[in-house]
Amino acid sequence: EQSTSYKTKKVLIFSKTNGFRHESIPAGIVAIKKLGQENHF
């Protein structure tokens, strides 16, 4: 139960832009998803 509770922590990335858009957004999403896989969220 403790493991499941920890692993089910969830974050939502929101990256909508209205104006200037950073080209780094896709790389940021990939990096944060990798962090999630490695750190159980």
Full PDB file with SEQRES, HELIX, SHEET, SSBOND, CRYST1, ORIGX, SCALE, CONECT and MASTER records, all heavy atoms in Angstrom:
SEQRES   1 A   41  GLU GLN SER THR SER TYR LYS THR LYS LYS VAL LEU ILE          
SEQRES   2 A   41  PHE SER LYS THR ASN GLY PHE ARG HIS GLU SER ILE PRO          
SEQRES   3 A   41  ALA GLY ILE VAL ALA ILE LYS LYS LEU GLY GLN GLU ASN          
SEQRES   4 A   41  HIS PHE                                                      
HELIX    1 AA1 GLN A    2  LYS A    7  1                                   6    
HELIX    2 AA2 ILE A   25  ASN A   39  1                                  15    
CRYST1    1.000    1.000    1.000  90.00  90.00  90.00 P 1           1          
ORIGX1      1.000000  0.000000  0.000000        0.00000                         
ORIGX2      0.000000  1.000000  0.000000        0.00000                         
ORIGX3      0.000000  0.000000  1.000000        0.00000                         
SCALE1      1.000000  0.000000  0.000000        0.00000                         
SCALE2      0.000000  1.000000  0.000000        0.00000                         
SCALE3      0.000000  0.000000  1.000000        0.00000                         
ATOM      1  N   GLU A   1       0.828  -1.201   0.000  1.00  0.00           N  
ATOM      2  CA  GLU A   1       0.000   0.000   0.000  1.00  0.00           C  
ATOM      3  C   GLU A   1       0.865   1.254   0.000  1.00  0.00           C  
ATOM      4  O   GLU A   1       0.590   2.213  -0.721  1.00  0.00           O  
ATOM      5  CB  GLU A   1      -0.918  -0.006   1.233  1.00  0.00           C  
ATOM      6  CG  GLU A   1      -2.042  -1.019   1.140  1.00  0.00           C  
ATOM      7  CD  GLU A   1      -2.851  -1.079   2.424  1.00  0.00           C  
ATOM      8  OE1 GLU A   1      -2.407  -0.538   3.452  1.00  0.00           O  
ATOM      9  OE2 GLU A   1      -3.940  -1.670   2.383  1.00  0.00           O  
ATOM     10  N   GLN A   2       1.947   1.242   0.812  1.00  0.00           N  
ATOM     11  CA  GLN A   2       2.834   2.402   0.850  1.00  0.00           C  
ATOM     12  C   GLN A   2       3.507   2.609  -0.497  1.00  0.00           C  
ATOM     13  O   GLN A   2       3.616   3.728  -0.984  1.00  0.00           O  
ATOM     14  CB  GLN A   2       3.883   2.203   1.944  1.00  0.00           C  
ATOM     15  CG  GLN A   2       3.316   2.295   3.350  1.00  0.00           C  
ATOM     16  CD  GLN A   2       4.359   1.999   4.401  1.00  0.00           C  
ATOM     17  OE1 GLN A   2       5.394   1.421   4.123  1.00  0.00           O  
ATOM     18  NE2 GLN A   2       4.075   2.402   5.635  1.00  0.00           N  
ATOM     19  N   SER A   3       3.957   1.499  -1.103  1.00  0.00           N  
ATOM     20  CA  SER A   3       4.622   1.581  -2.399  1.00  0.00           C  
ATOM     21  C   SER A   3       3.669   2.091  -3.456  1.00  0.00           C  
ATOM     22  O   SER A   3       3.994   2.960  -4.257  1.00  0.00           O  
ATOM     23  CB  SER A   3       5.169   0.211  -2.791  1.00  0.00           C  
ATOM     24  OG  SER A   3       5.720   0.246  -4.077  1.00  0.00           O  
ATOM     25  N   THR A   4       2.435   1.562  -3.437  1.00  0.00           N  
ATOM     26  CA  THR A   4       1.439   1.978  -4.419  1.00  0.00           C  
ATOM     27  C   THR A   4       1.104   3.447  -4.248  1.00  0.00           C  
ATOM     28  O   THR A   4       1.010   4.204  -5.201  1.00  0.00           O  
ATOM     29  CB  THR A   4       0.158   1.130  -4.272  1.00  0.00           C  
ATOM     30  OG1 THR A   4       0.502  -0.234  -4.473  1.00  0.00           O  
ATOM     31  CG2 THR A   4      -0.879   1.544  -5.293  1.00  0.00           C  
ATOM     32  N   SER A   5       0.952   3.874  -2.968  1.00  0.00           N  
ATOM     33  CA  SER A   5       0.620   5.264  -2.695  1.00  0.00           C  
ATOM     34  C   SER A   5       1.706   6.180  -3.239  1.00  0.00           C  
ATOM     35  O   SER A   5       1.435   7.222  -3.811  1.00  0.00           O  
ATOM     36  CB  SER A   5       0.455   5.460  -1.187  1.00  0.00           C  
ATOM     37  OG  SER A   5       0.286   6.820  -0.884  1.00  0.00           O  
ATOM     38  N   TYR A   6       2.980   5.773  -3.039  1.00  0.00           N  
ATOM     39  CA  TYR A   6       4.086   6.605  -3.508  1.00  0.00           C  
ATOM     40  C   TYR A   6       4.131   6.634  -5.030  1.00  0.00           C  
ATOM     41  O   TYR A   6       4.252   7.680  -5.635  1.00  0.00           O  
ATOM     42  CB  TYR A   6       5.393   6.046  -2.942  1.00  0.00           C  
ATOM     43  CG  TYR A   6       6.608   6.814  -3.405  1.00  0.00           C  
ATOM     44  CD1 TYR A   6       6.820   8.113  -2.970  1.00  0.00           C  
ATOM     45  CD2 TYR A   6       7.520   6.256  -4.279  1.00  0.00           C  
ATOM     46  CE1 TYR A   6       7.923   8.832  -3.379  1.00  0.00           C  
ATOM     47  CE2 TYR A   6       8.625   6.966  -4.690  1.00  0.00           C  
ATOM     48  CZ  TYR A   6       8.823   8.247  -4.231  1.00  0.00           C  
ATOM     49  OH  TYR A   6       9.909   8.960  -4.658  1.00  0.00           O  
ATOM     50  N   LYS A   7       3.983   5.459  -5.645  1.00  0.00           N  
ATOM     51  CA  LYS A   7       4.123   5.382  -7.083  1.00  0.00           C  
ATOM     52  C   LYS A   7       2.974   6.061  -7.819  1.00  0.00           C  
ATOM     53  O   LYS A   7       3.110   6.401  -8.978  1.00  0.00           O  
ATOM     54  CB  LYS A   7       4.235   3.920  -7.518  1.00  0.00           C  
ATOM     55  CG  LYS A   7       5.583   3.289  -7.170  1.00  0.00           C  
ATOM     56  CD  LYS A   7       5.696   1.866  -7.681  1.00  0.00           C  
ATOM     57  CE  LYS A   7       7.058   1.276  -7.356  1.00  0.00           C  
ATOM     58  NZ  LYS A   7       7.195  -0.112  -7.837  1.00  0.00           N  
ATOM     59  N   THR A   8       1.833   6.241  -7.159  1.00  0.00           N  
ATOM     60  CA  THR A   8       0.703   6.846  -7.848  1.00  0.00           C  
ATOM     61  C   THR A   8       0.680   8.366  -7.704  1.00  0.00           C  
ATOM     62  O   THR A   8      -0.276   8.996  -8.100  1.00  0.00           O  
ATOM     63  CB  THR A   8      -0.629   6.269  -7.343  1.00  0.00           C  
ATOM     64  OG1 THR A   8      -0.709   6.373  -5.919  1.00  0.00           O  
ATOM     65  CG2 THR A   8      -0.774   4.816  -7.744  1.00  0.00           C  
ATOM     66  N   LYS A   9       1.716   8.961  -7.129  1.00  0.00           N  
ATOM     67  CA  LYS A   9       1.794  10.415  -7.149  1.00  0.00           C  
ATOM     68  C   LYS A   9       1.909  10.863  -8.601  1.00  0.00           C  
ATOM     69  O   LYS A   9       2.654  10.279  -9.385  1.00  0.00           O  
ATOM     70  CB  LYS A   9       2.984  10.922  -6.332  1.00  0.00           C  
ATOM     71  CG  LYS A   9       2.739  10.874  -4.835  1.00  0.00           C  
ATOM     72  CD  LYS A   9       3.811  11.603  -4.069  1.00  0.00           C  
ATOM     73  CE  LYS A   9       3.467  11.656  -2.584  1.00  0.00           C  
ATOM     74  NZ  LYS A   9       4.488  12.381  -1.818  1.00  0.00           N  
ATOM     75  N   LYS A  10       1.148  11.886  -8.941  1.00  0.00           N  
ATOM     76  CA  LYS A  10       1.081  12.309 -10.333  1.00  0.00           C  
ATOM     77  C   LYS A  10       1.304  13.808 -10.453  1.00  0.00           C  
ATOM     78  O   LYS A  10       0.850  14.591  -9.606  1.00  0.00           O  
ATOM     79  CB  LYS A  10      -0.283  11.944 -10.944  1.00  0.00           C  
ATOM     80  CG  LYS A  10      -0.572  10.462 -10.996  1.00  0.00           C  
ATOM     81  CD  LYS A  10      -1.935  10.180 -11.614  1.00  0.00           C  
ATOM     82  CE  LYS A  10      -1.955  10.470 -13.097  1.00  0.00           C  
ATOM     83  NZ  LYS A  10      -3.234  10.096 -13.733  1.00  0.00           N  
ATOM     84  N   VAL A  11       1.973  14.193 -11.523  1.00  0.00           N  
ATOM     85  CA  VAL A  11       2.141  15.607 -11.842  1.00  0.00           C  
ATOM     86  C   VAL A  11       1.619  15.858 -13.252  1.00  0.00           C  
ATOM     87  O   VAL A  11       1.655  14.971 -14.110  1.00  0.00           O  
ATOM     88  CB  VAL A  11       3.606  16.066 -11.718  1.00  0.00           C  
ATOM     89  CG1 VAL A  11       4.156  15.755 -10.337  1.00  0.00           C  
ATOM     90  CG2 VAL A  11       4.473  15.415 -12.779  1.00  0.00           C  
ATOM     91  N   LEU A  12       1.159  17.060 -13.470  1.00  0.00           N  
ATOM     92  CA  LEU A  12       0.664  17.459 -14.792  1.00  0.00           C  
ATOM     93  C   LEU A  12       1.521  18.584 -15.329  1.00  0.00           C  
ATOM     94  O   LEU A  12       1.635  19.641 -14.709  1.00  0.00           O  
ATOM     95  CB  LEU A  12      -0.793  17.918 -14.705  1.00  0.00           C  
ATOM     96  CG  LEU A  12      -1.408  18.428 -16.020  1.00  0.00           C  
ATOM     97  CD1 LEU A  12      -1.512  17.303 -17.051  1.00  0.00           C  
ATOM     98  CD2 LEU A  12      -2.784  19.052 -15.766  1.00  0.00           C  
ATOM     99  N   ILE A  13       2.141  18.364 -16.486  1.00  0.00           N  
ATOM    100  CA  ILE A  13       2.880  19.422 -17.173  1.00  0.00           C  
ATOM    101  C   ILE A  13       1.907  20.188 -18.060  1.00  0.00           C  
ATOM    102  O   ILE A  13       1.192  19.598 -18.870  1.00  0.00           O  
ATOM    103  CB  ILE A  13       4.002  18.849 -18.055  1.00  0.00           C  
ATOM    104  CG1 ILE A  13       5.025  18.081 -17.215  1.00  0.00           C  
ATOM    105  CG2 ILE A  13       4.694  19.963 -18.827  1.00  0.00           C  
ATOM    106  CD1 ILE A  13       6.070  17.354 -18.053  1.00  0.00           C  
ATOM    107  N   PHE A  14       1.913  21.503 -17.908  1.00  0.00           N  
ATOM    108  CA  PHE A  14       1.085  22.374 -18.742  1.00  0.00           C  
ATOM    109  C   PHE A  14       2.024  23.326 -19.472  1.00  0.00           C  
ATOM    110  O   PHE A  14       2.789  24.055 -18.844  1.00  0.00           O  
ATOM    111  CB  PHE A  14       0.095  23.150 -17.880  1.00  0.00           C  
ATOM    112  CG  PHE A  14      -0.804  24.080 -18.644  1.00  0.00           C  
ATOM    113  CD1 PHE A  14      -1.785  23.586 -19.489  1.00  0.00           C  
ATOM    114  CD2 PHE A  14      -0.671  25.454 -18.514  1.00  0.00           C  
ATOM    115  CE1 PHE A  14      -2.618  24.436 -20.200  1.00  0.00           C  
ATOM    116  CE2 PHE A  14      -1.503  26.314 -19.210  1.00  0.00           C  
ATOM    117  CZ  PHE A  14      -2.474  25.803 -20.059  1.00  0.00           C  
ATOM    118  N   SER A  15       1.989  23.307 -20.796  1.00  0.00           N  
ATOM    119  CA  SER A  15       2.970  24.085 -21.566  1.00  0.00           C  
ATOM    120  C   SER A  15       2.327  24.874 -22.710  1.00  0.00           C  
ATOM    121  O   SER A  15       2.961  25.107 -23.739  1.00  0.00           O  
ATOM    122  CB  SER A  15       4.054  23.148 -22.123  1.00  0.00           C  
ATOM    123  OG  SER A  15       3.478  22.103 -22.883  1.00  0.00           O  
ATOM    124  N   LYS A  16       1.092  25.313 -22.502  1.00  0.00           N  
ATOM    125  CA  LYS A  16       0.441  26.099 -23.545  1.00  0.00           C  
ATOM    126  C   LYS A  16       1.072  27.488 -23.622  1.00  0.00           C  
ATOM    127  O   LYS A  16       1.424  28.090 -22.599  1.00  0.00           O  
ATOM    128  CB  LYS A  16      -1.055  26.229 -23.276  1.00  0.00           C  
ATOM    129  CG  LYS A  16      -1.794  26.969 -24.385  1.00  0.00           C  
ATOM    130  CD  LYS A  16      -3.296  26.940 -24.187  1.00  0.00           C  
ATOM    131  CE  LYS A  16      -3.998  27.669 -25.330  1.00  0.00           C  
ATOM    132  NZ  LYS A  16      -5.474  27.613 -25.214  1.00  0.00           N  
ATOM    133  N   THR A  17       1.204  27.999 -24.835  1.00  0.00           N  
ATOM    134  CA  THR A  17       1.767  29.336 -25.024  1.00  0.00           C  
ATOM    135  C   THR A  17       0.822  30.185 -25.877  1.00  0.00           C  
ATOM    136  O   THR A  17       0.137  29.684 -26.760  1.00  0.00           O  
ATOM    137  CB  THR A  17       3.134  29.273 -25.719  1.00  0.00           C  
ATOM    138  OG1 THR A  17       2.999  28.576 -26.968  1.00  0.00           O  
ATOM    139  CG2 THR A  17       4.143  28.542 -24.863  1.00  0.00           C  
ATOM    140  N   ASN A  18       0.808  31.471 -25.567  1.00  0.00           N  
ATOM    141  CA  ASN A  18       0.035  32.437 -26.347  1.00  0.00           C  
ATOM    142  C   ASN A  18       0.970  33.616 -26.610  1.00  0.00           C  
ATOM    143  O   ASN A  18       1.022  34.576 -25.866  1.00  0.00           O  
ATOM    144  CB  ASN A  18      -1.209  32.878 -25.586  1.00  0.00           C  
ATOM    145  CG  ASN A  18      -2.078  33.835 -26.383  1.00  0.00           C  
ATOM    146  OD1 ASN A  18      -1.856  34.046 -27.572  1.00  0.00           O  
ATOM    147  ND2 ASN A  18      -3.070  34.417 -25.723  1.00  0.00           N  
ATOM    148  N   GLY A  19       1.753  33.487 -27.663  1.00  0.00           N  
ATOM    149  CA  GLY A  19       2.803  34.452 -27.948  1.00  0.00           C  
ATOM    150  C   GLY A  19       4.088  33.697 -28.225  1.00  0.00           C  
ATOM    151  O   GLY A  19       4.085  32.696 -28.940  1.00  0.00           O  
ATOM    152  N   PHE A  20       5.188  34.149 -27.605  1.00  0.00           N  
ATOM    153  CA  PHE A  20       6.464  33.476 -27.840  1.00  0.00           C  
ATOM    154  C   PHE A  20       6.427  32.050 -27.314  1.00  0.00           C  
ATOM    155  O   PHE A  20       5.893  31.787 -26.234  1.00  0.00           O  
ATOM    156  CB  PHE A  20       7.614  34.234 -27.178  1.00  0.00           C  
ATOM    157  CG  PHE A  20       8.956  33.626 -27.468  1.00  0.00           C  
ATOM    158  CD1 PHE A  20       9.611  33.902 -28.659  1.00  0.00           C  
ATOM    159  CD2 PHE A  20       9.551  32.754 -26.574  1.00  0.00           C  
ATOM    160  CE1 PHE A  20      10.855  33.335 -28.944  1.00  0.00           C  
ATOM    161  CE2 PHE A  20      10.791  32.181 -26.842  1.00  0.00           C  
ATOM    162  CZ  PHE A  20      11.430  32.474 -28.041  1.00  0.00           C  
ATOM    163  N   ARG A  21       7.007  31.127 -28.078  1.00  0.00           N  
ATOM    164  CA  ARG A  21       7.060  29.723 -27.671  1.00  0.00           C  
ATOM    165  C   ARG A  21       8.507  29.234 -27.664  1.00  0.00           C  
ATOM    166  O   ARG A  21       9.220  29.362 -28.654  1.00  0.00           O  
ATOM    167  CB  ARG A  21       6.223  28.862 -28.616  1.00  0.00           C  
ATOM    168  CG  ARG A  21       6.217  27.385 -28.229  1.00  0.00           C  
ATOM    169  CD  ARG A  21       5.282  26.574 -29.115  1.00  0.00           C  
ATOM    170  NE  ARG A  21       5.276  25.186 -28.704  1.00  0.00           N  
ATOM    171  CZ  ARG A  21       4.557  24.702 -27.716  1.00  0.00           C  
ATOM    172  NH1 ARG A  21       3.751  25.509 -27.028  1.00  0.00           N  
ATOM    173  NH2 ARG A  21       4.600  23.421 -27.383  1.00  0.00           N  
ATOM    174  N   HIS A  22       8.914  28.658 -26.548  1.00  0.00           N  
ATOM    175  CA  HIS A  22      10.271  28.137 -26.432  1.00  0.00           C  
ATOM    176  C   HIS A  22      10.405  26.795 -27.141  1.00  0.00           C  
ATOM    177  O   HIS A  22       9.591  25.886 -26.937  1.00  0.00           O  
ATOM    178  CB  HIS A  22      10.662  27.992 -24.964  1.00  0.00           C  
ATOM    179  CG  HIS A  22      11.052  29.275 -24.324  1.00  0.00           C  
ATOM    180  ND1 HIS A  22      10.126  30.173 -23.815  1.00  0.00           N  
ATOM    181  CD2 HIS A  22      12.274  29.845 -24.118  1.00  0.00           C  
ATOM    182  CE1 HIS A  22      10.758  31.220 -23.317  1.00  0.00           C  
ATOM    183  NE2 HIS A  22      12.065  31.047 -23.491  1.00  0.00           N  
ATOM    184  N   GLU A  23      11.463  26.672 -27.929  1.00  0.00           N  
ATOM    185  CA  GLU A  23      11.728  25.419 -28.635  1.00  0.00           C  
ATOM    186  C   GLU A  23      12.131  24.295 -27.688  1.00  0.00           C  
ATOM    187  O   GLU A  23      12.127  23.123 -28.073  1.00  0.00           O  
ATOM    188  CB  GLU A  23      12.837  25.637 -29.673  1.00  0.00           C  
ATOM    189  CG  GLU A  23      12.452  26.587 -30.805  1.00  0.00           C  
ATOM    190  CD  GLU A  23      13.578  26.789 -31.796  1.00  0.00           C  
ATOM    191  OE1 GLU A  23      14.693  26.249 -31.551  1.00  0.00           O  
ATOM    192  OE2 GLU A  23      13.371  27.489 -32.806  1.00  0.00           O  
ATOM    193  N   SER A  24      12.447  24.650 -26.456  1.00  0.00           N  
ATOM    194  CA  SER A  24      12.914  23.651 -25.484  1.00  0.00           C  
ATOM    195  C   SER A  24      11.778  22.883 -24.813  1.00  0.00           C  
ATOM    196  O   SER A  24      12.038  21.934 -24.057  1.00  0.00           O  
ATOM    197  CB  SER A  24      13.760  24.336 -24.411  1.00  0.00           C  
ATOM    198  OG  SER A  24      12.995  25.311 -23.723  1.00  0.00           O  
ATOM    199  N   ILE A  25      10.537  23.262 -25.073  1.00  0.00           N  
ATOM    200  CA  ILE A  25       9.410  22.614 -24.383  1.00  0.00           C  
ATOM    201  C   ILE A  25       9.394  21.097 -24.586  1.00  0.00           C  
ATOM    202  O   ILE A  25       9.265  20.344 -23.615  1.00  0.00           O  
ATOM    203  CB  ILE A  25       8.072  23.268 -24.785  1.00  0.00           C  
ATOM    204  CG1 ILE A  25       7.956  24.662 -24.144  1.00  0.00           C  
ATOM    205  CG2 ILE A  25       6.880  22.391 -24.370  1.00  0.00           C  
ATOM    206  CD1 ILE A  25       6.750  25.463 -24.588  1.00  0.00           C  
ATOM    207  N   PRO A  26       9.515  20.583 -25.824  1.00  0.00           N  
ATOM    208  CA  PRO A  26       9.512  19.119 -25.984  1.00  0.00           C  
ATOM    209  C   PRO A  26      10.635  18.438 -25.203  1.00  0.00           C  
ATOM    210  O   PRO A  26      10.417  17.381 -24.596  1.00  0.00           O  
ATOM    211  CB  PRO A  26       9.692  18.936 -27.493  1.00  0.00           C  
ATOM    212  CG  PRO A  26       9.148  20.189 -28.095  1.00  0.00           C  
ATOM    213  CD  PRO A  26       9.535  21.268 -27.138  1.00  0.00           C  
ATOM    214  N   ALA A  27      11.820  19.030 -25.195  1.00  0.00           N  
ATOM    215  CA  ALA A  27      12.933  18.449 -24.438  1.00  0.00           C  
ATOM    216  C   ALA A  27      12.631  18.449 -22.943  1.00  0.00           C  
ATOM    217  O   ALA A  27      12.989  17.502 -22.225  1.00  0.00           O  
ATOM    218  CB  ALA A  27      14.219  19.217 -24.715  1.00  0.00           C  
ATOM    219  N   GLY A  28      11.963  19.500 -22.477  1.00  0.00           N  
ATOM    220  CA  GLY A  28      11.588  19.574 -21.067  1.00  0.00           C  
ATOM    221  C   GLY A  28      10.593  18.492 -20.685  1.00  0.00           C  
ATOM    222  O   GLY A  28      10.704  17.874 -19.618  1.00  0.00           O  
ATOM    223  N   ILE A  29       9.630  18.244 -21.550  1.00  0.00           N  
ATOM    224  CA  ILE A  29       8.636  17.199 -21.281  1.00  0.00           C  
ATOM    225  C   ILE A  29       9.312  15.832 -21.207  1.00  0.00           C  
ATOM    226  O   ILE A  29       9.049  15.036 -20.291  1.00  0.00           O  
ATOM    227  CB  ILE A  29       7.532  17.210 -22.365  1.00  0.00           C  
ATOM    228  CG1 ILE A  29       6.706  18.498 -22.255  1.00  0.00           C  
ATOM    229  CG2 ILE A  29       6.630  15.981 -22.233  1.00  0.00           C  
ATOM    230  CD1 ILE A  29       5.716  18.689 -23.389  1.00  0.00           C  
ATOM    231  N   VAL A  30      10.201  15.562 -22.161  1.00  0.00           N  
ATOM    232  CA  VAL A  30      10.925  14.286 -22.170  1.00  0.00           C  
ATOM    233  C   VAL A  30      11.732  14.119 -20.880  1.00  0.00           C  
ATOM    234  O   VAL A  30      11.714  13.051 -20.246  1.00  0.00           O  
ATOM    235  CB  VAL A  30      11.845  14.181 -23.399  1.00  0.00           C  
ATOM    236  CG1 VAL A  30      12.778  12.981 -23.279  1.00  0.00           C  
ATOM    237  CG2 VAL A  30      11.011  14.078 -24.676  1.00  0.00           C  
ATOM    238  N   ALA A  31      12.434  15.170 -20.477  1.00  0.00           N  
ATOM    239  CA  ALA A  31      13.284  15.094 -19.280  1.00  0.00           C  
ATOM    240  C   ALA A  31      12.464  14.853 -18.019  1.00  0.00           C  
ATOM    241  O   ALA A  31      12.840  14.042 -17.161  1.00  0.00           O  
ATOM    242  CB  ALA A  31      14.105  16.375 -19.149  1.00  0.00           C  
ATOM    243  N   ILE A  32      11.339  15.551 -17.894  1.00  0.00           N  
ATOM    244  CA  ILE A  32      10.521  15.401 -16.685  1.00  0.00           C  
ATOM    245  C   ILE A  32       9.851  14.031 -16.651  1.00  0.00           C  
ATOM    246  O   ILE A  32       9.730  13.405 -15.591  1.00  0.00           O  
ATOM    247  CB  ILE A  32       9.488  16.541 -16.592  1.00  0.00           C  
ATOM    248  CG1 ILE A  32      10.214  17.884 -16.406  1.00  0.00           C  
ATOM    249  CG2 ILE A  32       8.524  16.313 -15.424  1.00  0.00           C  
ATOM    250  CD1 ILE A  32       9.329  19.105 -16.558  1.00  0.00           C  
ATOM    251  N   LYS A  33       9.434  13.527 -17.816  1.00  0.00           N  
ATOM    252  CA  LYS A  33       8.871  12.176 -17.847  1.00  0.00           C  
ATOM    253  C   LYS A  33       9.918  11.137 -17.454  1.00  0.00           C  
ATOM    254  O   LYS A  33       9.607  10.150 -16.768  1.00  0.00           O  
ATOM    255  CB  LYS A  33       8.294  11.874 -19.229  1.00  0.00           C  
ATOM    256  CG  LYS A  33       6.982  12.591 -19.502  1.00  0.00           C  
ATOM    257  CD  LYS A  33       6.328  12.120 -20.787  1.00  0.00           C  
ATOM    258  CE  LYS A  33       4.931  12.711 -20.932  1.00  0.00           C  
ATOM    259  NZ  LYS A  33       4.224  12.231 -22.138  1.00  0.00           N  
ATOM    260  N   LYS A  34      11.150  11.356 -17.858  1.00  0.00           N  
ATOM    261  CA  LYS A  34      12.240  10.449 -17.470  1.00  0.00           C  
ATOM    262  C   LYS A  34      12.475  10.521 -15.965  1.00  0.00           C  
ATOM    263  O   LYS A  34      12.687   9.488 -15.311  1.00  0.00           O  
ATOM    264  CB  LYS A  34      13.510  10.812 -18.233  1.00  0.00           C  
ATOM    265  CG  LYS A  34      14.669   9.843 -18.035  1.00  0.00           C  
ATOM    266  CD  LYS A  34      15.805  10.177 -19.007  1.00  0.00           C  
ATOM    267  CE  LYS A  34      16.944   9.166 -18.921  1.00  0.00           C  
ATOM    268  NZ  LYS A  34      17.706   9.284 -17.672  1.00  0.00           N  
ATOM    269  N   LEU A  35      12.424  11.714 -15.407  1.00  0.00           N  
ATOM    270  CA  LEU A  35      12.543  11.860 -13.959  1.00  0.00           C  
ATOM    271  C   LEU A  35      11.438  11.106 -13.245  1.00  0.00           C  
ATOM    272  O   LEU A  35      11.658  10.487 -12.195  1.00  0.00           O  
ATOM    273  CB  LEU A  35      12.497  13.342 -13.568  1.00  0.00           C  
ATOM    274  CG  LEU A  35      13.734  14.185 -13.864  1.00  0.00           C  
ATOM    275  CD1 LEU A  35      13.473  15.651 -13.522  1.00  0.00           C  
ATOM    276  CD2 LEU A  35      14.944  13.666 -13.094  1.00  0.00           C  
ATOM    277  N   GLY A  36      10.231  11.165 -13.799  1.00  0.00           N  
ATOM    278  CA  GLY A  36       9.123  10.437 -13.207  1.00  0.00           C  
ATOM    279  C   GLY A  36       9.360   8.939 -13.192  1.00  0.00           C  
ATOM    280  O   GLY A  36       9.125   8.251 -12.188  1.00  0.00           O  
ATOM    281  N   GLN A  37       9.851   8.416 -14.317  1.00  0.00           N  
ATOM    282  CA  GLN A  37      10.130   6.980 -14.411  1.00  0.00           C  
ATOM    283  C   GLN A  37      11.206   6.555 -13.412  1.00  0.00           C  
ATOM    284  O   GLN A  37      11.121   5.488 -12.810  1.00  0.00           O  
ATOM    285  CB  GLN A  37      10.571   6.630 -15.831  1.00  0.00           C  
ATOM    286  CG  GLN A  37       9.467   6.774 -16.872  1.00  0.00           C  
ATOM    287  CD  GLN A  37       9.986   6.640 -18.297  1.00  0.00           C  
ATOM    288  OE1 GLN A  37      11.199   6.583 -18.531  1.00  0.00           O  
ATOM    289  NE2 GLN A  37       9.077   6.594 -19.256  1.00  0.00           N  
ATOM    290  N   GLU A  38      12.202   7.399 -13.240  1.00  0.00           N  
ATOM    291  CA  GLU A  38      13.325   7.056 -12.374  1.00  0.00           C  
ATOM    292  C   GLU A  38      13.026   7.288 -10.893  1.00  0.00           C  
ATOM    293  O   GLU A  38      13.699   6.717 -10.024  1.00  0.00           O  
ATOM    294  CB  GLU A  38      14.551   7.870 -12.772  1.00  0.00           C  
ATOM    295  CG  GLU A  38      15.081   7.545 -14.165  1.00  0.00           C  
ATOM    296  CD  GLU A  38      16.163   8.506 -14.635  1.00  0.00           C  
ATOM    297  OE1 GLU A  38      16.335   9.574 -14.001  1.00  0.00           O  
ATOM    298  OE2 GLU A  38      16.829   8.187 -15.639  1.00  0.00           O  
ATOM    299  N   ASN A  39      12.031   8.122 -10.598  1.00  0.00           N  
ATOM    300  CA  ASN A  39      11.761   8.507  -9.208  1.00  0.00           C  
ATOM    301  C   ASN A  39      10.332   8.202  -8.768  1.00  0.00           C  
ATOM    302  O   ASN A  39       9.858   8.732  -7.763  1.00  0.00           O  
ATOM    303  CB  ASN A  39      12.078   9.998  -9.015  1.00  0.00           C  
ATOM    304  CG  ASN A  39      13.547  10.296  -9.226  1.00  0.00           C  
ATOM    305  OD1 ASN A  39      14.349  10.138  -8.323  1.00  0.00           O  
ATOM    306  ND2 ASN A  39      13.912  10.719 -10.440  1.00  0.00           N  
ATOM    307  N   HIS A  40       9.664   7.360  -9.527  1.00  0.00           N  
ATOM    308  CA  HIS A  40       8.384   6.788  -9.120  1.00  0.00           C  
ATOM    309  C   HIS A  40       7.257   7.805  -8.950  1.00  0.00           C  
ATOM    310  O   HIS A  40       6.533   7.796  -7.959  1.00  0.00           O  
ATOM    311  CB  HIS A  40       8.554   5.984  -7.822  1.00  0.00           C  
ATOM    312  CG  HIS A  40       9.682   5.018  -7.857  1.00  0.00           C  
ATOM    313  ND1 HIS A  40       9.720   3.927  -8.714  1.00  0.00           N  
ATOM    314  CD2 HIS A  40      10.858   4.984  -7.173  1.00  0.00           C  
ATOM    315  CE1 HIS A  40      10.845   3.268  -8.533  1.00  0.00           C  
ATOM    316  NE2 HIS A  40      11.554   3.892  -7.621  1.00  0.00           N  
ATOM    317  N   PHE A  41       7.120   8.701  -9.911  1.00  0.00           N  
ATOM    318  CA  PHE A  41       5.901   9.499  -9.998  1.00  0.00           C  
ATOM    319  C   PHE A  41       5.468   9.528 -11.456  1.00  0.00           C  
ATOM    320  O   PHE A  41       6.274   9.392 -12.377  1.00  0.00           O  
ATOM    321  CB  PHE A  41       6.069  10.907  -9.410  1.00  0.00           C  
ATOM    322  CG  PHE A  41       7.142  11.754 -10.028  1.00  0.00           C  
ATOM    323  CD1 PHE A  41       6.871  12.559 -11.137  1.00  0.00           C  
ATOM    324  CD2 PHE A  41       8.419  11.793  -9.496  1.00  0.00           C  
ATOM    325  CE1 PHE A  41       7.850  13.357 -11.710  1.00  0.00           C  
ATOM    326  CE2 PHE A  41       9.412  12.587 -10.049  1.00  0.00           C  
ATOM    327  CZ  PHE A  41       9.124  13.373 -11.154  1.00  0.00           C  
TER     328      PHE A  41                                                      
MASTER        0    0    0    2    0    0    0    6  327    1    0    4          
END                                                                             
